[in-house]
Amino acid sequence: MADIARHHHYIPQGYLRGFAQKRSGRQWYVHVTDLAQKRSYPTNTRNVCGERDFMRIDVAGHAPDRVEKDLSAFEAKSVEAIRRVAASGKFEGEDASLTLSLMALLAVRSTEMRENMRDFHEKIANRVMDLSLATKERWKQQMEQLRDAGKAVNEDLTYEDMKAFHDGGQYKVTVKREFHM
């Protein structure tokens, strides 16, 4: 499975090349400023705005890099459209549509956006748990509703145990990668 793409860019390399200098062959370099580390350096576009398995899917019947490969084809068309717009000065028709579609994709596809969404879901889940654990009676009623619906309920887990676990906050809510996509 060596032909499966593993390094996925959330900002396409073709787009990044619009801000890069070509050194040789397929070597395009951009200047990076790392604000957290307080340093700057040149690097290949291959090394920025990407993450291992960022767009990987675990869906039966589909290759893990299916979304990455399909997006790559769309991104290539979009980058060509941007180049045509830059050359002609005309922002219209399919070129405008492709450019705007790419910009919309870039606005929502990033590590920061994924973390914002994960954090949002964690806050909602925590609030739901706060409400579910507000009283012992409410907890018992919810466990009864789960049993009535045929759901598995851990009978050994007490309200007190669950309340202590939740109040301790020693957990993190995660969201599957496919949900973000």
Protein backbone atom coordinates (compact mmCIF):
# COMPACT_ATOMS: atom_id res chain seq x y z
CA MET A 1 0.00 0.00 0.00
CA ALA A 2 2.94 2.30 -0.67
CA ASP A 3 0.90 4.30 -3.19
CA ILE A 4 -1.49 5.61 -0.51
CA ALA A 5 -0.96 9.33 0.13
CA ARG A 6 -0.20 9.92 3.82
CA HIS A 7 0.96 13.56 3.93
CA HIS A 8 -2.13 15.66 3.26
CA HIS A 9 -2.03 19.42 2.78
CA TYR A 10 -4.85 21.55 4.14
CA ILE A 11 -3.53 24.36 1.94
CA PRO A 12 -2.72 22.88 -1.48
CA GLN A 13 0.89 22.94 -2.58
CA GLY A 14 -0.15 24.37 -5.95
CA TYR A 15 -1.70 27.33 -4.14
CA LEU A 16 1.35 27.71 -1.88
CA ARG A 17 3.56 27.83 -4.97
CA GLY A 18 1.93 31.14 -5.81
CA PHE A 19 3.85 32.54 -2.82
CA ALA A 20 7.03 30.50 -3.37
CA GLN A 21 10.28 30.69 -5.28
CA LYS A 22 11.30 27.81 -7.51
CA ARG A 23 14.74 26.47 -6.73
CA SER A 24 15.01 23.45 -9.05
CA GLY A 25 12.75 20.81 -10.56
CA ARG A 26 9.83 20.40 -8.14
CA GLN A 27 11.50 22.36 -5.36
CA TRP A 28 9.36 25.37 -4.39
CA TYR A 29 10.37 27.29 -1.26
CA VAL A 30 8.39 29.65 0.93
CA HIS A 31 9.59 31.73 3.84
CA VAL A 32 8.00 30.56 7.10
CA THR A 33 7.64 32.60 10.26
CA ASP A 34 6.95 30.49 13.34
CA LEU A 35 5.44 32.91 15.84
CA ALA A 36 5.38 30.36 18.67
CA GLN A 37 9.09 29.56 18.28
CA LYS A 38 9.97 33.17 17.34
CA ARG A 39 12.00 32.14 14.33
CA SER A 40 11.81 32.22 10.55
CA TYR A 41 13.30 30.05 7.82
CA PRO A 42 12.84 28.97 4.19
CA THR A 43 11.31 25.56 3.52
CA ASN A 44 9.84 23.49 0.73
CA THR A 45 6.07 23.83 0.23
CA ARG A 46 5.96 20.07 0.87
CA ASN A 47 6.81 20.77 4.52
CA VAL A 48 4.17 23.37 5.38
CA CYS A 49 0.41 23.42 5.83
CA GLY A 50 0.16 19.66 5.87
CA GLU A 51 -0.39 16.87 8.34
CA ARG A 52 -0.09 13.10 8.23
CA ASP A 53 -3.46 11.50 7.39
CA PHE A 54 -5.32 14.81 7.74
CA MET A 55 -7.97 13.75 5.21
CA ARG A 56 -7.75 9.98 5.80
CA ILE A 57 -11.04 8.13 5.94
CA ASP A 58 -11.87 4.77 7.46
CA VAL A 59 -14.89 3.84 5.36
CA ALA A 60 -15.51 0.34 4.07
CA GLY A 61 -15.15 0.07 0.32
CA HIS A 62 -13.01 3.20 -0.07
CA ALA A 63 -9.27 3.74 -0.06
CA PRO A 64 -8.06 5.66 3.01
CA ASP A 65 -6.77 8.48 0.79
CA ARG A 66 -9.88 8.68 -1.43
CA VAL A 67 -10.89 12.16 -0.20
CA GLU A 68 -7.31 13.41 -0.46
CA LYS A 69 -6.99 12.22 -4.07
CA ASP A 70 -10.39 13.59 -5.09
CA LEU A 71 -9.65 16.95 -3.47
CA SER A 72 -6.26 17.03 -5.17
CA ALA A 73 -7.93 16.94 -8.58
CA PHE A 74 -10.30 19.77 -7.58
CA GLU A 75 -7.44 21.81 -6.10
CA ALA A 76 -5.38 21.46 -9.30
CA LYS A 77 -8.31 22.83 -11.35
CA SER A 78 -8.78 25.66 -8.86
CA VAL A 79 -5.11 26.67 -8.90
CA GLU A 80 -5.18 26.76 -12.70
CA ALA A 81 -8.31 28.96 -12.50
CA ILE A 82 -6.52 31.35 -10.12
CA ARG A 83 -3.59 31.54 -12.55
CA ARG A 84 -5.95 32.32 -15.45
CA VAL A 85 -7.68 35.03 -13.41
CA ALA A 86 -4.30 36.54 -12.48
CA ALA A 87 -3.17 36.48 -16.13
CA SER A 88 -6.38 37.83 -17.65
CA GLY A 89 -7.60 40.09 -14.85
CA LYS A 90 -11.09 38.67 -15.42
CA PHE A 91 -12.91 37.15 -12.48
CA GLU A 92 -15.89 35.47 -14.11
CA GLY A 93 -17.48 32.18 -15.12
CA GLU A 94 -16.02 28.84 -14.10
CA ASP A 95 -12.72 30.41 -13.04
CA ALA A 96 -14.52 32.62 -10.52
CA SER A 97 -16.58 29.66 -9.31
CA LEU A 98 -13.53 27.42 -8.85
CA THR A 99 -11.60 30.20 -7.10
CA LEU A 100 -14.44 30.94 -4.68
CA SER A 101 -14.98 27.24 -4.02
CA LEU A 102 -11.31 26.81 -3.15
CA MET A 103 -11.41 29.85 -0.86
CA ALA A 104 -14.47 28.40 0.92
CA LEU A 105 -12.69 25.07 1.33
CA LEU A 106 -9.59 26.76 2.75
CA ALA A 107 -11.74 28.69 5.22
CA VAL A 108 -13.04 25.51 6.84
CA ARG A 109 -10.25 22.98 6.29
CA SER A 110 -7.48 23.57 8.78
CA THR A 111 -6.11 22.17 12.00
CA GLU A 112 -7.39 25.24 13.84
CA MET A 113 -10.94 24.80 12.52
CA ARG A 114 -10.91 21.13 13.50
CA GLU A 115 -9.80 22.02 17.00
CA ASN A 116 -12.47 24.74 17.23
CA MET A 117 -15.13 22.21 16.24
CA ARG A 118 -13.75 19.58 18.64
CA ASP A 119 -13.74 22.15 21.43
CA PHE A 120 -17.32 23.14 20.60
CA HIS A 121 -18.45 19.53 20.78
CA GLU A 122 -16.59 19.02 24.03
CA LYS A 123 -18.33 22.05 25.57
CA ILE A 124 -21.73 20.77 24.44
CA ALA A 125 -20.98 17.27 25.75
CA ASN A 126 -19.84 18.69 29.09
CA ARG A 127 -22.99 20.79 29.39
CA VAL A 128 -25.16 17.76 28.58
CA MET A 129 -23.31 15.80 31.27
CA ASP A 130 -23.73 18.68 33.74
CA LEU A 131 -27.48 18.53 33.14
CA SER A 132 -27.61 14.73 33.18
CA LEU A 133 -25.77 14.61 36.50
CA ALA A 134 -27.58 17.57 38.10
CA THR A 135 -29.50 15.22 40.41
CA LYS A 136 -29.37 11.54 41.27
CA GLU A 137 -33.04 11.22 40.26
CA ARG A 138 -32.37 12.64 36.79
CA TRP A 139 -29.48 10.22 36.33
CA LYS A 140 -31.62 7.26 37.37
CA GLN A 141 -34.40 8.37 35.02
CA GLN A 142 -31.99 8.59 32.09
CA MET A 143 -30.53 5.16 32.83
CA GLU A 144 -34.07 3.77 32.90
CA GLN A 145 -34.83 5.38 29.53
CA LEU A 146 -31.71 3.76 28.07
CA ARG A 147 -32.74 0.34 29.43
CA ASP A 148 -36.26 0.79 28.04
CA ALA A 149 -34.78 1.63 24.64
CA GLY A 150 -32.76 -1.59 24.70
CA LYS A 151 -29.40 0.15 25.17
CA ALA A 152 -26.60 -1.39 27.19
CA VAL A 153 -26.24 0.12 30.65
CA ASN A 154 -23.34 -0.61 32.98
CA GLU A 155 -25.19 -1.56 36.14
CA ASP A 156 -21.98 -1.39 38.20
CA LEU A 157 -21.51 2.32 37.43
CA THR A 158 -23.08 4.41 40.16
CA TYR A 159 -24.27 7.99 39.98
CA GLU A 160 -21.55 8.95 42.46
CA ASP A 161 -18.84 7.31 40.34
CA MET A 162 -20.05 9.03 37.19
CA LYS A 163 -20.39 12.40 38.91
CA ALA A 164 -16.84 12.13 40.31
CA PHE A 165 -15.50 11.13 36.88
CA HIS A 166 -17.24 14.04 35.16
CA ASP A 167 -16.39 16.60 37.83
CA GLY A 168 -12.75 15.45 37.72
CA GLY A 169 -12.57 16.48 34.05
CA GLN A 170 -9.83 13.97 33.31
CA TYR A 171 -11.15 13.19 29.83
CA LYS A 172 -11.26 14.78 26.41
CA VAL A 173 -14.08 14.59 23.89
CA THR A 174 -12.85 13.65 20.43
CA VAL A 175 -14.61 13.79 17.08
CA LYS A 176 -13.84 11.37 14.26
CA ARG A 177 -11.87 12.76 11.36
CA GLU A 178 -14.66 11.82 8.94
CA PHE A 179 -17.07 14.08 10.86
CA HIS A 180 -14.84 17.09 10.19
CA MET A 181 -14.70 16.36 6.51
